[in-house]
Amino acid sequence: MTSVLQMESLVDELVLFWNQRMLEFVGPKPFDFSVWTNYLTMDVISKLAYGNEFGHLKTGQDINGIMEALQGGFDFRALINWAPAFKSILGSAPMRKLFPVPETSGFSAIRRVSFS
């Protein structure tokens, strides 16, 4: 319980910053609220897991395509759940060589942050 209480101040800090960013959008012009809640979620998770936020809230962008990679993975996971045999084929070494994952975006970017 004490570790959760220690993390609360980190989450509060990001929620307050998110609230400030939301005040920038006050007015008649519409904006996509769901994108900003996703930015908050990703920054909170990365702050708690890695000790530093990815920076989605600060930049107002999908840093290194992380969120796009997560969203794009849904189709793959649906296919694997539907036909588990595809996992061994698509995850095999020859397929990874044919379709390499860029080291500068998506899950590779997450891996870089976690080991830095």
Protein backbone atom coordinates (compact mmCIF):
# COMPACT_ATOMS: atom_id res chain seq x y z
CA MET A 1 0.00 0.00 0.00
CA THR A 2 2.85 2.42 0.72
CA SER A 3 4.29 1.99 -2.78
CA VAL A 4 0.90 2.90 -4.27
CA LEU A 5 0.78 6.01 -2.11
CA GLN A 6 4.27 6.97 -3.28
CA MET A 7 3.13 6.70 -6.90
CA GLU A 8 0.08 8.87 -6.29
CA SER A 9 2.08 12.10 -6.41
CA LEU A 10 3.56 11.10 -9.79
CA VAL A 11 0.11 10.47 -11.20
CA ASP A 12 -1.25 13.69 -9.67
CA GLU A 13 1.54 15.68 -11.33
CA LEU A 14 0.65 14.32 -14.76
CA VAL A 15 -3.10 14.75 -14.24
CA LEU A 16 -2.57 18.41 -13.30
CA PHE A 17 -0.43 18.94 -16.41
CA TRP A 18 -3.10 17.18 -18.53
CA ASN A 19 -5.72 19.49 -17.02
CA GLN A 20 -3.64 22.52 -18.04
CA ARG A 21 -3.39 21.16 -21.58
CA MET A 22 -7.18 20.63 -21.70
CA LEU A 23 -7.72 24.29 -20.76
CA GLU A 24 -5.89 25.20 -23.99
CA PHE A 25 -8.83 23.74 -25.91
CA VAL A 26 -11.58 25.68 -24.14
CA GLY A 27 -13.69 27.34 -26.80
CA PRO A 28 -16.01 26.62 -29.69
CA LYS A 29 -13.54 24.61 -31.77
CA PRO A 30 -13.95 20.82 -31.25
CA PHE A 31 -11.02 18.53 -30.44
CA ASP A 32 -10.59 14.79 -29.97
CA PHE A 33 -10.75 14.22 -26.21
CA SER A 34 -10.02 10.49 -26.54
CA VAL A 35 -6.58 11.20 -28.04
CA TRP A 36 -5.64 13.31 -25.02
CA THR A 37 -6.90 10.72 -22.53
CA ASN A 38 -4.74 8.16 -24.34
CA TYR A 39 -1.75 10.53 -24.10
CA LEU A 40 -2.37 10.85 -20.35
CA THR A 41 -2.67 7.08 -19.96
CA MET A 42 0.55 6.37 -21.85
CA ASP A 43 2.50 9.02 -19.94
CA VAL A 44 1.23 7.76 -16.57
CA ILE A 45 2.08 4.15 -17.41
CA SER A 46 5.57 5.05 -18.66
CA LYS A 47 6.24 7.31 -15.65
CA LEU A 48 5.31 4.55 -13.22
CA ALA A 49 6.98 1.72 -15.14
CA TYR A 50 10.15 3.44 -16.37
CA GLY A 51 10.48 6.51 -14.16
CA ASN A 52 10.00 8.93 -17.06
CA GLU A 53 7.02 9.76 -19.23
CA PHE A 54 7.16 9.26 -22.99
CA GLY A 55 6.19 12.91 -23.52
CA HIS A 56 2.85 12.57 -25.29
CA LEU A 57 1.28 15.30 -23.15
CA LYS A 58 4.15 17.74 -23.59
CA THR A 59 4.31 17.41 -27.37
CA GLY A 60 0.67 16.63 -28.12
CA GLN A 61 1.88 13.88 -30.46
CA ASP A 62 2.27 10.13 -30.69
CA ILE A 63 5.93 9.88 -29.71
CA ASN A 64 7.86 7.44 -31.91
CA GLY A 65 4.61 5.91 -33.16
CA ILE A 66 4.09 4.02 -29.91
CA MET A 67 0.31 4.42 -29.82
CA GLU A 68 0.03 3.67 -33.53
CA ALA A 69 2.02 0.46 -32.99
CA LEU A 70 -0.23 -0.57 -30.13
CA GLN A 71 -3.34 0.13 -32.19
CA GLY A 72 -1.90 -1.66 -35.22
CA GLY A 73 -1.21 -4.74 -33.14
CA PHE A 74 -4.91 -5.32 -32.49
CA ASP A 75 -5.45 -6.86 -35.94
CA PHE A 76 -2.51 -9.21 -35.42
CA ARG A 77 -3.74 -10.28 -31.98
CA ALA A 78 -7.23 -10.89 -33.36
CA LEU A 79 -5.76 -13.12 -36.07
CA ILE A 80 -3.67 -15.04 -33.52
CA ASN A 81 -6.71 -15.55 -31.28
CA TRP A 82 -8.73 -16.76 -34.22
CA ALA A 83 -6.03 -19.09 -35.58
CA PRO A 84 -3.20 -19.70 -33.08
CA ALA A 85 -1.18 -21.68 -35.65
CA PHE A 86 -0.40 -18.39 -37.40
CA LYS A 87 1.63 -17.26 -34.40
CA SER A 88 4.38 -19.81 -34.97
CA ILE A 89 4.48 -18.97 -38.67
CA LEU A 90 4.37 -15.18 -38.37
CA GLY A 91 6.72 -15.10 -35.39
CA SER A 92 9.32 -17.36 -36.97
CA ALA A 93 12.89 -16.18 -37.61
CA PRO A 94 12.51 -16.14 -41.43
CA MET A 95 9.40 -13.95 -41.19
CA ARG A 96 11.13 -11.58 -38.77
CA LYS A 97 13.96 -11.23 -41.30
CA LEU A 98 11.51 -10.54 -44.12
CA PHE A 99 9.50 -8.03 -42.08
CA PRO A 100 11.85 -6.38 -39.59
CA VAL A 101 10.48 -3.99 -36.97
CA PRO A 102 11.95 -0.48 -37.28
CA GLU A 103 14.20 0.30 -34.31
CA THR A 104 13.03 3.92 -34.10
CA SER A 105 9.30 3.48 -33.57
CA GLY A 106 6.58 1.53 -31.84
CA PHE A 107 7.58 -1.31 -29.55
CA SER A 108 11.26 -0.80 -30.28
CA ALA A 109 10.96 2.72 -28.88
CA ILE A 110 9.28 1.33 -25.76
CA ARG A 111 12.07 -1.23 -25.39
CA ARG A 112 14.69 1.55 -25.71
CA VAL A 113 13.04 3.60 -22.94
CA SER A 114 12.76 0.59 -20.64
CA PHE A 115 16.47 -0.23 -20.94
CA SER A 116 17.79 3.35 -20.75
